[in-house]
Amino acid sequence: MGKQHSSLKDHTELNLREPRKFKVVMHNDDFTTMDFVVMVLSSVFHKSEAEAERIMLLIHHSGKATVGSYSLDIAASKATKAIEMARDEGFPLRITVEPE
């Protein structure tokens, strides 16, 4: 019995690993307002006002920026919520979820 227990324990430890992470990337466009992007970064991605403004400027100047890294289900949920908020306001905000 001791040998089986040891083998099972070794097998279990080998299979434990961090879940894969996915980055949420926000893309620049010429229509979505900077204020709206800051609001989304604050409300959906829980960024401070200063961090949201810094990320918004990075998106504006670089064309896109990673706004967070999450498990797939959380990344997809946050991206969907932000896109729905943008559509409700008539903005074409583009957000992608990409593997890290």
N, C-alpha and C. Protein backbone atom coordinates (compact mmCIF):
# COMPACT_ATOMS: atom_id res chain seq x y z
N MET A 1 0.82 -1.19 0.00
CA MET A 1 0.00 0.00 0.00
C MET A 1 0.87 1.26 0.00
N GLY A 2 1.95 1.25 0.72
CA GLY A 2 2.81 2.41 0.78
C GLY A 2 3.34 2.80 -0.58
N LYS A 3 3.66 1.84 -1.42
CA LYS A 3 4.19 2.14 -2.74
C LYS A 3 3.13 2.79 -3.63
N GLN A 4 1.90 2.29 -3.57
CA GLN A 4 0.83 2.89 -4.37
C GLN A 4 0.58 4.33 -3.95
N HIS A 5 0.54 4.55 -2.66
CA HIS A 5 0.29 5.90 -2.15
C HIS A 5 1.39 6.86 -2.61
N SER A 6 2.61 6.42 -2.54
CA SER A 6 3.73 7.25 -2.98
C SER A 6 3.62 7.56 -4.47
N SER A 7 3.27 6.56 -5.26
CA SER A 7 3.14 6.74 -6.70
C SER A 7 2.01 7.72 -7.02
N LEU A 8 0.92 7.60 -6.34
CA LEU A 8 -0.21 8.50 -6.55
C LEU A 8 0.17 9.93 -6.18
N LYS A 9 0.86 10.08 -5.06
CA LYS A 9 1.29 11.41 -4.63
C LYS A 9 2.22 12.04 -5.68
N ASP A 10 3.19 11.29 -6.17
CA ASP A 10 4.11 11.81 -7.18
C ASP A 10 3.36 12.22 -8.44
N HIS A 11 2.40 11.41 -8.85
CA HIS A 11 1.62 11.70 -10.05
C HIS A 11 0.82 12.99 -9.86
N THR A 12 0.22 13.16 -8.71
CA THR A 12 -0.58 14.35 -8.44
C THR A 12 0.28 15.60 -8.47
N GLU A 13 1.44 15.55 -7.86
CA GLU A 13 2.31 16.72 -7.83
C GLU A 13 2.78 17.11 -9.22
N LEU A 14 2.97 16.14 -10.09
CA LEU A 14 3.42 16.44 -11.45
C LEU A 14 2.35 17.15 -12.26
N ASN A 15 1.09 16.94 -11.94
CA ASN A 15 0.01 17.53 -12.72
C ASN A 15 -0.45 18.89 -12.21
N LEU A 16 0.09 19.35 -11.10
CA LEU A 16 -0.29 20.66 -10.58
C LEU A 16 0.52 21.74 -11.26
N ARG A 17 -0.16 22.71 -11.85
CA ARG A 17 0.52 23.84 -12.48
C ARG A 17 -0.44 25.01 -12.58
N GLU A 18 0.14 26.17 -12.77
CA GLU A 18 -0.67 27.37 -12.90
C GLU A 18 -1.57 27.27 -14.13
N PRO A 19 -2.81 27.75 -14.04
CA PRO A 19 -3.65 27.78 -15.24
C PRO A 19 -3.06 28.76 -16.25
N ARG A 20 -3.27 28.47 -17.51
CA ARG A 20 -2.76 29.34 -18.57
C ARG A 20 -3.39 30.71 -18.46
N LYS A 21 -2.60 31.74 -18.69
CA LYS A 21 -3.08 33.12 -18.61
C LYS A 21 -3.31 33.68 -20.01
N PHE A 22 -4.26 34.59 -20.09
CA PHE A 22 -4.60 35.27 -21.34
C PHE A 22 -4.60 36.76 -21.09
N LYS A 23 -4.04 37.49 -22.04
CA LYS A 23 -4.01 38.94 -21.89
C LYS A 23 -5.19 39.56 -22.64
N VAL A 24 -5.72 40.59 -22.04
CA VAL A 24 -6.79 41.37 -22.66
C VAL A 24 -6.11 42.59 -23.26
N VAL A 25 -6.27 42.74 -24.58
CA VAL A 25 -5.60 43.82 -25.31
C VAL A 25 -6.66 44.78 -25.85
N MET A 26 -6.48 46.06 -25.54
CA MET A 26 -7.38 47.10 -26.03
C MET A 26 -6.69 47.81 -27.18
N HIS A 27 -7.42 48.00 -28.29
CA HIS A 27 -6.86 48.59 -29.50
C HIS A 27 -7.36 50.02 -29.70
N ASN A 28 -6.52 50.85 -30.25
CA ASN A 28 -6.87 52.24 -30.52
C ASN A 28 -7.83 52.35 -31.71
N ASP A 29 -8.69 53.31 -31.67
CA ASP A 29 -9.52 53.66 -32.83
C ASP A 29 -9.71 55.18 -32.80
N ASP A 30 -10.27 55.71 -33.86
CA ASP A 30 -10.42 57.17 -33.98
C ASP A 30 -11.76 57.69 -33.44
N PHE A 31 -12.56 56.81 -32.83
CA PHE A 31 -13.90 57.22 -32.43
C PHE A 31 -14.17 57.10 -30.94
N THR A 32 -13.66 56.06 -30.30
CA THR A 32 -13.90 55.87 -28.87
C THR A 32 -13.16 56.96 -28.10
N THR A 33 -13.88 57.65 -27.23
CA THR A 33 -13.26 58.77 -26.53
C THR A 33 -12.28 58.29 -25.45
N MET A 34 -11.31 59.16 -25.19
CA MET A 34 -10.32 58.85 -24.16
C MET A 34 -10.99 58.71 -22.80
N ASP A 35 -11.96 59.57 -22.52
CA ASP A 35 -12.68 59.51 -21.24
C ASP A 35 -13.41 58.17 -21.07
N PHE A 36 -14.01 57.70 -22.16
CA PHE A 36 -14.72 56.42 -22.09
C PHE A 36 -13.74 55.28 -21.82
N VAL A 37 -12.59 55.28 -22.48
CA VAL A 37 -11.58 54.24 -22.27
C VAL A 37 -11.12 54.25 -20.81
N VAL A 38 -10.88 55.42 -20.26
CA VAL A 38 -10.46 55.53 -18.85
C VAL A 38 -11.56 54.97 -17.94
N MET A 39 -12.81 55.29 -18.24
CA MET A 39 -13.92 54.79 -17.43
C MET A 39 -14.00 53.27 -17.48
N VAL A 40 -13.84 52.68 -18.66
CA VAL A 40 -13.87 51.22 -18.80
C VAL A 40 -12.70 50.59 -18.05
N LEU A 41 -11.52 51.17 -18.18
CA LEU A 41 -10.35 50.63 -17.48
C LEU A 41 -10.55 50.68 -15.97
N SER A 42 -11.21 51.71 -15.49
CA SER A 42 -11.46 51.84 -14.06
C SER A 42 -12.56 50.88 -13.59
N SER A 43 -13.67 50.85 -14.31
CA SER A 43 -14.82 50.09 -13.84
C SER A 43 -14.74 48.59 -14.13
N VAL A 44 -14.25 48.21 -15.30
CA VAL A 44 -14.21 46.79 -15.67
C VAL A 44 -12.90 46.13 -15.23
N PHE A 45 -11.79 46.86 -15.41
CA PHE A 45 -10.48 46.27 -15.13
C PHE A 45 -9.89 46.73 -13.80
N HIS A 46 -10.66 47.52 -13.04
CA HIS A 46 -10.30 47.95 -11.68
C HIS A 46 -8.93 48.64 -11.60
N LYS A 47 -8.67 49.51 -12.57
CA LYS A 47 -7.44 50.31 -12.56
C LYS A 47 -7.71 51.61 -11.81
N SER A 48 -6.69 52.12 -11.13
CA SER A 48 -6.81 53.43 -10.50
C SER A 48 -6.95 54.47 -11.61
N GLU A 49 -7.39 55.65 -11.25
CA GLU A 49 -7.54 56.73 -12.24
C GLU A 49 -6.20 57.00 -12.94
N ALA A 50 -5.12 57.09 -12.19
CA ALA A 50 -3.80 57.37 -12.77
C ALA A 50 -3.35 56.23 -13.68
N GLU A 51 -3.55 54.98 -13.26
CA GLU A 51 -3.15 53.83 -14.08
C GLU A 51 -4.02 53.77 -15.34
N ALA A 52 -5.30 54.03 -15.22
CA ALA A 52 -6.20 54.02 -16.38
C ALA A 52 -5.78 55.08 -17.39
N GLU A 53 -5.43 56.25 -16.92
CA GLU A 53 -4.99 57.32 -17.84
C GLU A 53 -3.67 56.94 -18.51
N ARG A 54 -2.75 56.33 -17.76
CA ARG A 54 -1.47 55.90 -18.33
C ARG A 54 -1.69 54.85 -19.43
N ILE A 55 -2.55 53.88 -19.16
CA ILE A 55 -2.83 52.82 -20.15
C ILE A 55 -3.54 53.42 -21.37
N MET A 56 -4.49 54.31 -21.14
CA MET A 56 -5.21 54.96 -22.25
C MET A 56 -4.24 55.68 -23.17
N LEU A 57 -3.27 56.40 -22.60
CA LEU A 57 -2.28 57.11 -23.42
C LEU A 57 -1.38 56.13 -24.17
N LEU A 58 -1.05 55.02 -23.53
CA LEU A 58 -0.25 53.98 -24.20
C LEU A 58 -1.02 53.41 -25.39
N ILE A 59 -2.30 53.14 -25.21
CA ILE A 59 -3.15 52.66 -26.31
C ILE A 59 -3.19 53.70 -27.43
N HIS A 60 -3.37 54.94 -27.06
CA HIS A 60 -3.47 56.03 -28.03
C HIS A 60 -2.19 56.19 -28.85
N HIS A 61 -1.06 56.12 -28.19
CA HIS A 61 0.23 56.34 -28.88
C HIS A 61 0.81 55.09 -29.52
N SER A 62 0.54 53.92 -28.96
CA SER A 62 1.13 52.67 -29.47
C SER A 62 0.19 51.87 -30.36
N GLY A 63 -1.08 52.22 -30.35
CA GLY A 63 -2.05 51.49 -31.15
C GLY A 63 -2.77 50.40 -30.39
N LYS A 64 -2.16 49.91 -29.31
CA LYS A 64 -2.80 48.90 -28.48
C LYS A 64 -1.98 48.75 -27.21
N ALA A 65 -2.61 48.14 -26.19
CA ALA A 65 -1.91 47.86 -24.94
C ALA A 65 -2.64 46.75 -24.20
N THR A 66 -1.87 45.97 -23.47
CA THR A 66 -2.44 44.95 -22.60
C THR A 66 -3.02 45.64 -21.37
N VAL A 67 -4.28 45.34 -21.07
CA VAL A 67 -4.93 45.98 -19.94
C VAL A 67 -5.08 45.05 -18.74
N GLY A 68 -4.75 43.77 -18.92
CA GLY A 68 -4.81 42.82 -17.82
C GLY A 68 -4.48 41.43 -18.29
N SER A 69 -4.19 40.56 -17.33
CA SER A 69 -3.86 39.16 -17.60
C SER A 69 -4.67 38.29 -16.64
N TYR A 70 -5.43 37.35 -17.20
CA TYR A 70 -6.39 36.58 -16.41
C TYR A 70 -6.49 35.16 -16.95
N SER A 71 -7.22 34.32 -16.22
CA SER A 71 -7.59 33.02 -16.77
C SER A 71 -8.52 33.29 -17.96
N LEU A 72 -8.68 32.31 -18.83
CA LEU A 72 -9.45 32.52 -20.06
C LEU A 72 -10.88 32.98 -19.78
N ASP A 73 -11.56 32.35 -18.84
CA ASP A 73 -12.96 32.72 -18.61
C ASP A 73 -13.10 34.15 -18.08
N ILE A 74 -12.20 34.57 -17.22
CA ILE A 74 -12.27 35.94 -16.69
C ILE A 74 -11.88 36.95 -17.77
N ALA A 75 -10.84 36.63 -18.55
CA ALA A 75 -10.43 37.53 -19.64
C ALA A 75 -11.57 37.73 -20.63
N ALA A 76 -12.21 36.64 -21.02
CA ALA A 76 -13.31 36.71 -21.99
C ALA A 76 -14.49 37.49 -21.41
N SER A 77 -14.79 37.26 -20.14
CA SER A 77 -15.90 37.95 -19.49
C SER A 77 -15.66 39.46 -19.43
N LYS A 78 -14.47 39.87 -19.04
CA LYS A 78 -14.14 41.29 -18.95
C LYS A 78 -14.15 41.93 -20.35
N ALA A 79 -13.60 41.25 -21.34
CA ALA A 79 -13.60 41.78 -22.70
C ALA A 79 -15.03 41.96 -23.21
N THR A 80 -15.86 40.97 -22.98
CA THR A 80 -17.26 41.04 -23.43
C THR A 80 -17.99 42.19 -22.75
N LYS A 81 -17.79 42.33 -21.44
CA LYS A 81 -18.46 43.42 -20.72
C LYS A 81 -18.03 44.78 -21.26
N ALA A 82 -16.72 44.97 -21.48
CA ALA A 82 -16.22 46.25 -21.98
C ALA A 82 -16.75 46.54 -23.39
N ILE A 83 -16.78 45.54 -24.24
CA ILE A 83 -17.29 45.72 -25.61
C ILE A 83 -18.78 46.06 -25.58
N GLU A 84 -19.54 45.39 -24.73
CA GLU A 84 -20.98 45.69 -24.62
C GLU A 84 -21.20 47.12 -24.15
N MET A 85 -20.39 47.57 -23.18
CA MET A 85 -20.50 48.96 -22.70
C MET A 85 -20.20 49.93 -23.85
N ALA A 86 -19.17 49.61 -24.65
CA ALA A 86 -18.81 50.47 -25.77
C ALA A 86 -19.93 50.53 -26.80
N ARG A 87 -20.51 49.38 -27.13
CA ARG A 87 -21.58 49.33 -28.13
C ARG A 87 -22.80 50.10 -27.65
N ASP A 88 -23.08 50.00 -26.35
CA ASP A 88 -24.22 50.73 -25.79
C ASP A 88 -24.04 52.24 -25.96
N GLU A 89 -22.79 52.70 -26.01
CA GLU A 89 -22.49 54.13 -26.18
C GLU A 89 -22.20 54.49 -27.65
N GLY A 90 -22.25 53.48 -28.52
CA GLY A 90 -22.02 53.73 -29.95
C GLY A 90 -20.55 53.76 -30.35
N PHE A 91 -19.67 53.22 -29.51
CA PHE A 91 -18.24 53.20 -29.82
C PHE A 91 -17.81 51.86 -30.41
N PRO A 92 -16.87 51.90 -31.37
CA PRO A 92 -16.40 50.66 -32.01
C PRO A 92 -15.19 50.05 -31.30
N LEU A 93 -15.05 50.26 -30.01
CA LEU A 93 -13.90 49.78 -29.25
C LEU A 93 -13.60 48.31 -29.58
N ARG A 94 -12.34 48.04 -29.87
CA ARG A 94 -11.91 46.67 -30.20
C ARG A 94 -11.04 46.14 -29.07
N ILE A 95 -11.41 44.98 -28.57
CA ILE A 95 -10.67 44.31 -27.51
C ILE A 95 -10.46 42.86 -27.94
N THR A 96 -9.24 42.38 -27.76
CA THR A 96 -8.94 41.00 -28.09
C THR A 96 -8.42 40.28 -26.84
N VAL A 97 -8.61 38.96 -26.82
CA VAL A 97 -8.08 38.11 -25.76
C VAL A 97 -7.06 37.21 -26.42
N GLU A 98 -5.81 37.26 -25.93
CA GLU A 98 -4.71 36.54 -26.56
C GLU A 98 -3.94 35.74 -25.53
N PRO A 99 -3.46 34.55 -25.92
CA PRO A 99 -2.64 33.79 -24.96
C PRO A 99 -1.34 34.53 -24.65
N GLU A 100 -0.86 34.37 -23.42
CA GLU A 100 0.40 35.01 -23.06
C GLU A 100 1.56 34.22 -23.60
